[in-house]
Amino acid sequence: MNIKQIIPFLLLLTSFNFYGQDAGMKEKKEQIKTLKVAFLTTELDLTTREAEKFWPIYNTFDDKQFEIRHQKMRAFKSRMSDSAFNNMTEKEANALLTQMDSADEELYLLRKKFTKNLREVMSAKKIIKLKKSEEDFNRKLLHQYRSSKK
């Protein structure tokens, strides 16, 4: 087999590998989402009426939050590698800082709108309980991840 035959074969294998990783990440994300829904449902003890209105609002919020964090922040992370960071000018650093602040502000405004929408569906006490339940879920997930690494 000569080099002209090997290179397309290697590229094909590499593309399948990347596709497999992407599919694996989507599957893990769906598993986590399923666990989160079950956890929040139990913790919040929503009435049927509350649940019917809550889940569409929550899912929209969660999807937008994921998009902001993973699409916009991914661009920042690529520019934060040691080599990129060491070669960054002050002007580029200021521009990156401005973009990071913008993403943080976008997340804040999204959260604020989410809370406003929830006030029409449930009590303030349940909204606070939701925030606490999300933090508890994330803490448990992180603990479980750390335990599996050992």
Protein backbone atom coordinates (compact mmCIF):
# COMPACT_ATOMS: atom_id res chain seq x y z
CA MET A 1 0.00 0.00 0.00
CA ASN A 2 1.48 3.34 -0.94
CA ILE A 3 1.17 6.68 0.86
CA LYS A 4 -1.59 7.97 -1.48
CA GLN A 5 -3.80 5.07 -0.40
CA ILE A 6 -2.96 5.31 3.31
CA ILE A 7 -3.72 9.02 3.79
CA PRO A 8 -7.41 8.87 2.68
CA PHE A 9 -7.88 5.75 4.80
CA LEU A 10 -6.41 7.48 7.88
CA LEU A 11 -8.56 10.57 7.29
CA LEU A 12 -11.64 8.36 7.06
CA LEU A 13 -10.79 6.60 10.34
CA THR A 14 -10.11 9.93 12.05
CA SER A 15 -13.44 11.37 10.93
CA PHE A 16 -15.28 8.33 12.32
CA ASN A 17 -13.41 8.75 15.58
CA PHE A 18 -14.48 12.40 15.89
CA TYR A 19 -18.05 11.50 15.00
CA GLY A 20 -18.05 8.78 17.64
CA GLN A 21 -16.80 11.20 20.27
CA ASP A 22 -19.49 13.72 19.34
CA ALA A 23 -22.20 11.05 19.51
CA GLY A 24 -20.83 9.89 22.86
CA MET A 25 -20.95 13.42 24.24
CA LYS A 26 -24.53 13.87 23.05
CA GLU A 27 -25.50 10.58 24.69
CA LYS A 28 -23.86 11.60 27.98
CA LYS A 29 -25.55 15.00 27.82
CA GLU A 30 -28.92 13.30 27.34
CA GLN A 31 -28.24 10.92 30.25
CA ILE A 32 -27.35 13.84 32.49
CA LYS A 33 -30.42 15.76 31.36
CA THR A 34 -32.64 12.77 32.16
CA LEU A 35 -31.10 12.43 35.62
CA LYS A 36 -31.50 16.17 36.20
CA VAL A 37 -35.17 16.12 35.21
CA ALA A 38 -35.84 13.23 37.59
CA PHE A 39 -33.91 14.93 40.40
CA LEU A 40 -35.63 18.30 39.97
CA THR A 41 -39.06 16.70 39.65
CA THR A 42 -38.54 14.95 42.99
CA GLU A 43 -37.00 17.94 44.75
CA LEU A 44 -39.49 20.56 43.58
CA ASP A 45 -42.65 18.49 44.12
CA LEU A 46 -44.45 20.41 41.36
CA THR A 47 -48.20 20.23 40.94
CA THR A 48 -49.44 19.02 37.54
CA ARG A 49 -50.35 22.59 36.58
CA GLU A 50 -46.94 23.90 37.65
CA ALA A 51 -45.10 21.10 35.82
CA GLU A 52 -46.99 21.76 32.56
CA LYS A 53 -45.85 25.38 32.58
CA PHE A 54 -42.46 24.92 34.27
CA TRP A 55 -40.78 22.36 31.98
CA PRO A 56 -41.12 24.27 28.69
CA ILE A 57 -39.73 27.41 30.36
CA TYR A 58 -36.94 25.46 32.04
CA ASN A 59 -35.96 23.51 28.92
CA THR A 60 -35.78 26.68 26.82
CA PHE A 61 -33.65 28.35 29.48
CA ASP A 62 -31.39 25.32 29.88
CA ASP A 63 -30.82 25.01 26.11
CA LYS A 64 -29.97 28.71 25.72
CA GLN A 65 -27.69 28.61 28.75
CA PHE A 66 -25.89 25.55 27.34
CA GLU A 67 -25.50 27.29 23.99
CA ILE A 68 -23.97 30.40 25.56
CA ARG A 69 -21.63 28.47 27.80
CA HIS A 70 -20.44 25.92 25.29
CA GLN A 71 -20.37 27.82 22.03
CA LYS A 72 -19.17 31.20 23.17
CA MET A 73 -16.94 30.00 25.96
CA ARG A 74 -15.34 27.37 23.72
CA ALA A 75 -13.98 30.18 21.57
CA PHE A 76 -12.46 31.78 24.68
CA LYS A 77 -10.87 28.54 25.85
CA SER A 78 -9.11 28.00 22.53
CA ARG A 79 -7.49 31.42 22.92
CA MET A 80 -6.45 30.64 26.48
CA SER A 81 -3.97 27.86 25.67
CA ASP A 82 -0.47 28.57 26.96
CA SER A 83 0.98 29.35 23.54
CA ALA A 84 -1.94 31.55 22.48
CA PHE A 85 -1.98 33.31 25.84
CA ASN A 86 1.77 33.97 25.83
CA ASN A 87 1.56 35.48 22.32
CA MET A 88 -1.50 37.60 23.07
CA THR A 89 -1.14 41.36 22.86
CA GLU A 90 -2.69 43.69 25.42
CA LYS A 91 -5.19 44.84 22.79
CA GLU A 92 -6.22 41.22 22.08
CA ALA A 93 -6.47 40.53 25.82
CA ASN A 94 -8.77 43.55 26.25
CA ALA A 95 -10.95 42.39 23.35
CA LEU A 96 -11.16 38.87 24.82
CA LEU A 97 -12.02 40.27 28.25
CA THR A 98 -14.79 42.36 26.70
CA GLN A 99 -16.18 39.26 24.93
CA MET A 100 -16.05 37.28 28.17
CA ASP A 101 -17.88 40.05 30.03
CA SER A 102 -20.48 40.12 27.26
CA ALA A 103 -21.08 36.38 27.57
CA ASP A 104 -21.36 36.68 31.37
CA GLU A 105 -23.85 39.51 30.98
CA GLU A 106 -25.85 37.48 28.46
CA LEU A 107 -26.02 34.61 30.96
CA TYR A 108 -27.10 37.00 33.71
CA LEU A 109 -29.87 38.53 31.57
CA LEU A 110 -31.03 35.06 30.54
CA ARG A 111 -31.21 33.99 34.20
CA LYS A 112 -33.08 37.18 35.10
CA LYS A 113 -35.65 36.61 32.32
CA PHE A 114 -35.97 32.97 33.40
CA THR A 115 -36.73 33.98 36.99
CA LYS A 116 -39.28 36.54 35.79
CA ASN A 117 -41.04 33.88 33.69
CA LEU A 118 -41.03 31.42 36.59
CA ARG A 119 -42.69 33.93 38.92
CA GLU A 120 -45.80 33.58 36.77
CA VAL A 121 -45.78 29.80 37.26
CA MET A 122 -44.64 29.11 40.82
CA SER A 123 -43.94 30.69 44.17
CA ALA A 124 -40.72 32.53 44.99
CA LYS A 125 -39.95 29.85 47.54
CA LYS A 126 -40.05 27.13 44.86
CA ILE A 127 -37.86 29.24 42.56
CA ILE A 128 -35.25 29.46 45.33
CA LYS A 129 -35.64 25.73 45.92
CA LEU A 130 -35.01 25.19 42.20
CA LYS A 131 -31.73 27.13 42.42
CA LYS A 132 -30.67 25.09 45.45
CA SER A 133 -31.72 21.83 43.77
CA GLU A 134 -29.70 22.67 40.65
CA GLU A 135 -26.64 23.33 42.82
CA ASP A 136 -27.22 20.08 44.74
CA PHE A 137 -27.54 18.15 41.47
CA ASN A 138 -24.35 19.68 40.07
CA ARG A 139 -22.51 18.91 43.31
CA LYS A 140 -23.68 15.28 43.25
CA LEU A 141 -22.76 14.95 39.59
CA LEU A 142 -19.28 16.34 40.22
CA HIS A 143 -18.82 14.05 43.24
CA GLN A 144 -19.92 11.04 41.17
CA TYR A 145 -17.52 12.04 38.37
CA ARG A 146 -14.62 12.38 40.80
CA SER A 147 -15.46 9.02 42.39
CA SER A 148 -15.50 7.29 39.01
CA LYS A 149 -12.05 8.72 38.17
CA LYS A 150 -10.48 7.06 41.24
